[in-house]
Amino acid sequence: MRNILMTVMMLVVVIVMFNAIVTKDTTGTRSQIESQGSTTNTKIGELAP
């Protein structure tokens, strides 16, 4: 029973950390990657052949 409780608690911690780090609205990893990707796409589109 104790092992199951520890496993569930660890899963909860991982989910909370994921939400706090990756999916945060403006400063999360996902938004930073999207921002850099948009900037890179714009710069590539501006290149002359």
C-alpha atoms as a PDB file:
ATOM      1  CA  MET A   1       0.000   0.000   0.000  1.00  0.00           C
ATOM      2  CA  ARG A   2       2.829   2.375   0.843  1.00  0.00           C
ATOM      3  CA  ASN A   3       4.514   1.745  -2.514  1.00  0.00           C
ATOM      4  CA  ILE A   4       1.342   2.587  -4.393  1.00  0.00           C
ATOM      5  CA  LEU A   5       0.948   5.819  -2.428  1.00  0.00           C
ATOM      6  CA  MET A   6       4.557   6.815  -3.151  1.00  0.00           C
ATOM      7  CA  THR A   7       4.079   6.108  -6.857  1.00  0.00           C
ATOM      8  CA  VAL A   8       0.897   8.176  -7.029  1.00  0.00           C
ATOM      9  CA  MET A   9       2.525  11.061  -5.161  1.00  0.00           C
ATOM     10  CA  MET A  10       5.515  11.027  -7.533  1.00  0.00           C
ATOM     11  CA  LEU A  11       3.204  11.070 -10.549  1.00  0.00           C
ATOM     12  CA  VAL A  12       1.351  14.064  -9.114  1.00  0.00           C
ATOM     13  CA  VAL A  13       4.638  15.896  -8.582  1.00  0.00           C
ATOM     14  CA  VAL A  14       5.741  15.182 -12.154  1.00  0.00           C
ATOM     15  CA  ILE A  15       2.431  16.425 -13.568  1.00  0.00           C
ATOM     16  CA  VAL A  16       2.582  19.627 -11.520  1.00  0.00           C
ATOM     17  CA  MET A  17       6.181  20.267 -12.562  1.00  0.00           C
ATOM     18  CA  PHE A  18       5.327  19.647 -16.217  1.00  0.00           C
ATOM     19  CA  ASN A  19       2.477  22.147 -16.046  1.00  0.00           C
ATOM     20  CA  ALA A  20       4.635  24.717 -14.271  1.00  0.00           C
ATOM     21  CA  ILE A  21       7.631  24.416 -16.593  1.00  0.00           C
ATOM     22  CA  VAL A  22       6.471  23.374 -20.048  1.00  0.00           C
ATOM     23  CA  THR A  23       2.910  24.544 -20.538  1.00  0.00           C
ATOM     24  CA  LYS A  24       2.998  27.887 -18.712  1.00  0.00           C
ATOM     25  CA  ASP A  25       1.236  30.499 -20.873  1.00  0.00           C
ATOM     26  CA  THR A  26       3.849  33.171 -21.589  1.00  0.00           C
ATOM     27  CA  THR A  27       7.126  31.973 -20.100  1.00  0.00           C
ATOM     28  CA  GLY A  28       6.849  28.223 -20.547  1.00  0.00           C
ATOM     29  CA  THR A  29       9.114  26.142 -22.726  1.00  0.00           C
ATOM     30  CA  ARG A  30       6.401  25.579 -25.319  1.00  0.00           C
ATOM     31  CA  SER A  31       5.753  29.287 -25.867  1.00  0.00           C
ATOM     32  CA  GLN A  32       9.486  30.022 -26.077  1.00  0.00           C
ATOM     33  CA  ILE A  33       9.962  27.307 -28.714  1.00  0.00           C
ATOM     34  CA  GLU A  34       6.988  28.626 -30.709  1.00  0.00           C
ATOM     35  CA  SER A  35       8.352  32.161 -30.491  1.00  0.00           C
ATOM     36  CA  GLN A  36      11.810  31.146 -31.691  1.00  0.00           C
ATOM     37  CA  GLY A  37      10.273  29.025 -34.456  1.00  0.00           C
ATOM     38  CA  SER A  38       8.207  31.949 -35.717  1.00  0.00           C
ATOM     39  CA  THR A  39      11.254  34.221 -35.704  1.00  0.00           C
ATOM     40  CA  THR A  40      13.301  31.626 -37.578  1.00  0.00           C
ATOM     41  CA  ASN A  41      10.557  31.078 -40.162  1.00  0.00           C
ATOM     42  CA  THR A  42      10.363  34.817 -40.779  1.00  0.00           C
ATOM     43  CA  LYS A  43      14.134  35.092 -41.233  1.00  0.00           C
ATOM     44  CA  ILE A  44      14.225  32.109 -43.603  1.00  0.00           C
ATOM     45  CA  GLY A  45      11.345  33.606 -45.606  1.00  0.00           C
ATOM     46  CA  GLU A  46      13.245  36.870 -45.974  1.00  0.00           C
ATOM     47  CA  LEU A  47      16.324  35.200 -47.491  1.00  0.00           C
ATOM     48  CA  ALA A  48      16.950  36.048 -51.120  1.00  0.00           C
ATOM     49  CA  PRO A  49      17.565  33.090 -53.457  1.00  0.00           C
END
